[in-house]
Amino acid sequence: MKGSCPCGAVTIENARAPAVRFFCHCTICQSVYARFDEPFADITATWTWTTKITKGREALRFERHIWLPASVKRGLCGQCDAPVVGYLQVPVAGISFIPSTTWEDRGALPASSGHLNYHSRAADVDDGLPKVEGVLRSELRATAWMLPRLLRGGAPALPS
């Protein structure tokens, strides 16, 4: 899978299709994606070890937003300001969060599992998908959606 930011300054490649997709309505995602007229983030998730920045790593500007219990380090293109990749370090491995709009072949993406942090939504969404309210419930549901699918796609080797 290949993709890029809208201006093409940063390109990304993944060894396999993302394992899971969801919509996040947290206030941090709203502030990042509002720049692109999106009321929420349409995100795909994959292991960090399968994700590679193939061009423009030096153009990425990283922001760290603390959203307890997690802290995602978001990489934005320094030229067009678009989100390209976010990194969440978890015990033993890391998870990459990549906006669905980054991917060239969006037809290869999984269907969305649902909406997280729906209590913070900027607008109602009537799409029949599950809507999870509350920060802790959203974190738990995201883990429940991601972990089995990521593990089916191959877990990273444990450090020796």
Protein backbone atom coordinates (compact mmCIF):
# COMPACT_ATOMS: atom_id res chain seq x y z
CA MET A 1 0.00 0.00 0.00
CA LYS A 2 1.30 3.43 -0.92
CA GLY A 3 0.15 6.92 -0.16
CA SER A 4 1.09 10.54 0.35
CA CYS A 5 0.01 13.85 1.79
CA PRO A 6 -2.06 16.04 -0.59
CA CYS A 7 0.96 18.00 -1.87
CA GLY A 8 3.12 14.87 -2.34
CA ALA A 9 6.04 16.12 -0.22
CA VAL A 10 5.74 13.09 2.09
CA THR A 11 5.10 9.58 0.82
CA ILE A 12 4.39 6.48 2.86
CA GLU A 13 4.39 2.78 2.16
CA ASN A 14 3.00 -0.11 4.14
CA ALA A 15 3.92 -3.77 3.73
CA ARG A 16 0.24 -4.79 3.89
CA ALA A 17 -3.23 -3.29 3.89
CA PRO A 18 -4.24 -1.67 7.19
CA ALA A 19 -5.90 -4.04 9.64
CA VAL A 20 -8.64 -1.75 10.91
CA ARG A 21 -10.35 1.55 10.21
CA PHE A 22 -12.41 3.81 12.45
CA PHE A 23 -13.63 7.38 12.84
CA CYS A 24 -12.36 9.42 15.80
CA HIS A 25 -14.29 12.44 17.08
CA CYS A 26 -11.92 13.46 19.91
CA THR A 27 -11.24 17.18 20.17
CA ILE A 28 -7.60 16.68 19.14
CA CYS A 29 -8.60 14.92 15.92
CA GLN A 30 -11.22 17.58 15.30
CA SER A 31 -8.61 20.33 15.58
CA VAL A 32 -6.15 18.53 13.27
CA TYR A 33 -8.71 17.48 10.64
CA ALA A 34 -10.85 20.64 10.76
CA ARG A 35 -8.16 22.28 8.63
CA PHE A 36 -9.39 19.99 5.85
CA ASP A 37 -13.12 20.50 6.45
CA GLU A 38 -13.45 17.14 8.20
CA PRO A 39 -15.43 17.04 11.48
CA PHE A 40 -13.62 13.83 12.56
CA ALA A 41 -10.62 11.69 11.65
CA ASP A 42 -11.01 8.75 9.28
CA ILE A 43 -8.12 6.58 10.48
CA THR A 44 -6.54 3.27 9.53
CA ALA A 45 -4.26 1.34 11.88
CA THR A 46 -1.32 -0.95 11.24
CA TRP A 47 1.86 -2.06 13.00
CA THR A 48 4.58 0.59 13.00
CA TRP A 49 7.13 -1.99 11.87
CA THR A 50 5.23 -2.37 8.57
CA THR A 51 5.07 1.40 7.94
CA LYS A 52 7.82 3.25 6.11
CA ILE A 53 8.16 6.92 5.19
CA THR A 54 9.63 6.63 1.67
CA LYS A 55 10.04 10.34 0.91
CA GLY A 56 10.03 13.55 2.90
CA ARG A 57 10.76 12.35 6.44
CA GLU A 58 12.58 15.66 6.95
CA ALA A 59 9.40 17.51 5.89
CA LEU A 60 7.37 15.94 8.73
CA ARG A 61 6.60 18.13 11.71
CA PHE A 62 5.72 16.09 14.79
CA GLU A 63 3.21 17.13 17.44
CA ARG A 64 2.57 15.15 20.59
CA HIS A 65 -0.91 15.37 22.04
CA ILE A 66 -1.51 13.77 25.40
CA TRP A 67 -4.82 11.95 25.54
CA LEU A 68 -4.58 9.78 28.62
CA PRO A 69 -3.99 6.91 28.82
CA ALA A 70 -2.37 7.17 25.38
CA SER A 71 -0.11 9.68 23.71
CA VAL A 72 -0.05 9.78 19.94
CA LYS A 73 2.87 11.46 18.17
CA ARG A 74 1.35 12.95 15.01
CA GLY A 75 3.41 13.65 11.90
CA LEU A 76 2.10 16.50 9.77
CA CYS A 77 3.51 17.56 6.40
CA GLY A 78 5.58 20.71 6.85
CA GLN A 79 4.40 22.02 3.47
CA CYS A 80 0.64 21.32 3.30
CA ASP A 81 0.07 20.76 7.05
CA ALA A 82 -1.85 17.53 6.38
CA PRO A 83 -1.65 14.66 8.87
CA VAL A 84 0.38 11.79 7.38
CA VAL A 85 1.01 9.33 10.22
CA GLY A 86 0.58 9.07 13.96
CA TYR A 87 2.58 6.79 16.21
CA LEU A 88 1.36 5.17 19.41
CA GLN A 89 3.96 3.21 21.34
CA VAL A 90 2.46 0.27 23.20
CA PRO A 91 4.33 -2.41 25.18
CA VAL A 92 6.57 -4.43 22.85
CA ALA A 93 5.49 -2.70 19.61
CA GLY A 94 3.96 0.40 18.10
CA ILE A 95 0.82 1.16 16.14
CA SER A 96 0.71 3.57 13.20
CA PHE A 97 -2.44 5.58 12.64
CA ILE A 98 -2.67 6.70 9.02
CA PRO A 99 -5.47 8.90 7.67
CA SER A 100 -7.56 7.01 5.11
CA THR A 101 -7.17 9.94 2.69
CA THR A 102 -3.40 9.27 2.60
CA TRP A 103 -3.77 5.95 0.77
CA GLU A 104 -3.76 5.80 -3.04
CA ASP A 105 -5.95 2.67 -3.20
CA ARG A 106 -8.79 3.46 -0.81
CA GLY A 107 -10.75 0.52 -2.22
CA ALA A 108 -8.30 -1.81 -0.46
CA LEU A 109 -9.08 -0.32 2.95
CA PRO A 110 -11.27 -2.18 5.43
CA ALA A 111 -14.74 -0.85 6.18
CA SER A 112 -14.92 1.37 9.25
CA SER A 113 -15.61 -0.41 12.53
CA GLY A 114 -17.41 2.64 13.94
CA HIS A 115 -17.09 6.00 15.68
CA LEU A 116 -14.96 6.64 18.77
CA ASN A 117 -15.24 9.57 21.21
CA TYR A 118 -18.68 10.28 19.80
CA HIS A 119 -19.53 12.35 22.88
CA SER A 120 -17.18 15.06 21.48
CA ARG A 121 -18.64 15.04 17.97
CA ALA A 122 -18.96 18.28 16.06
CA ALA A 123 -21.90 16.90 14.08
CA ASP A 124 -24.18 13.87 14.24
CA VAL A 125 -23.46 11.06 11.80
CA ASP A 126 -26.25 8.72 10.67
CA ASP A 127 -24.45 5.80 9.06
CA GLY A 128 -25.58 2.81 11.13
CA LEU A 129 -22.09 2.20 12.56
CA PRO A 130 -21.51 1.79 16.32
CA LYS A 131 -21.06 5.08 18.19
CA VAL A 132 -18.90 4.87 21.32
CA GLU A 133 -19.12 7.66 23.86
CA GLY A 134 -16.66 8.37 26.67
CA VAL A 135 -12.88 8.47 26.56
CA LEU A 136 -12.21 5.24 28.44
CA ARG A 137 -14.93 3.33 26.60
CA SER A 138 -13.51 4.60 23.30
CA GLU A 139 -9.97 3.53 24.23
CA LEU A 140 -11.20 0.08 25.23
CA ARG A 141 -13.30 -0.32 22.08
CA ALA A 142 -10.42 0.82 19.86
CA THR A 143 -8.23 -1.82 21.48
CA ALA A 144 -10.93 -4.45 20.97
CA TRP A 145 -11.23 -3.50 17.29
CA MET A 146 -7.49 -3.24 16.63
CA LEU A 147 -5.72 -5.95 18.57
CA PRO A 148 -7.32 -9.11 17.09
CA ARG A 149 -7.04 -7.76 13.55
CA LEU A 150 -3.46 -6.60 13.99
CA LEU A 151 -2.48 -9.94 15.51
CA ARG A 152 -4.08 -11.85 12.63
CA GLY A 153 -1.87 -9.83 10.30
CA GLY A 154 1.26 -10.91 12.17
CA ALA A 155 2.62 -9.75 15.47
CA PRO A 156 6.07 -8.24 15.73
CA ALA A 157 8.78 -10.45 17.18
CA LEU A 158 9.36 -10.00 20.89
CA PRO A 159 12.72 -8.47 21.79
CA SER A 160 15.22 -10.99 23.11
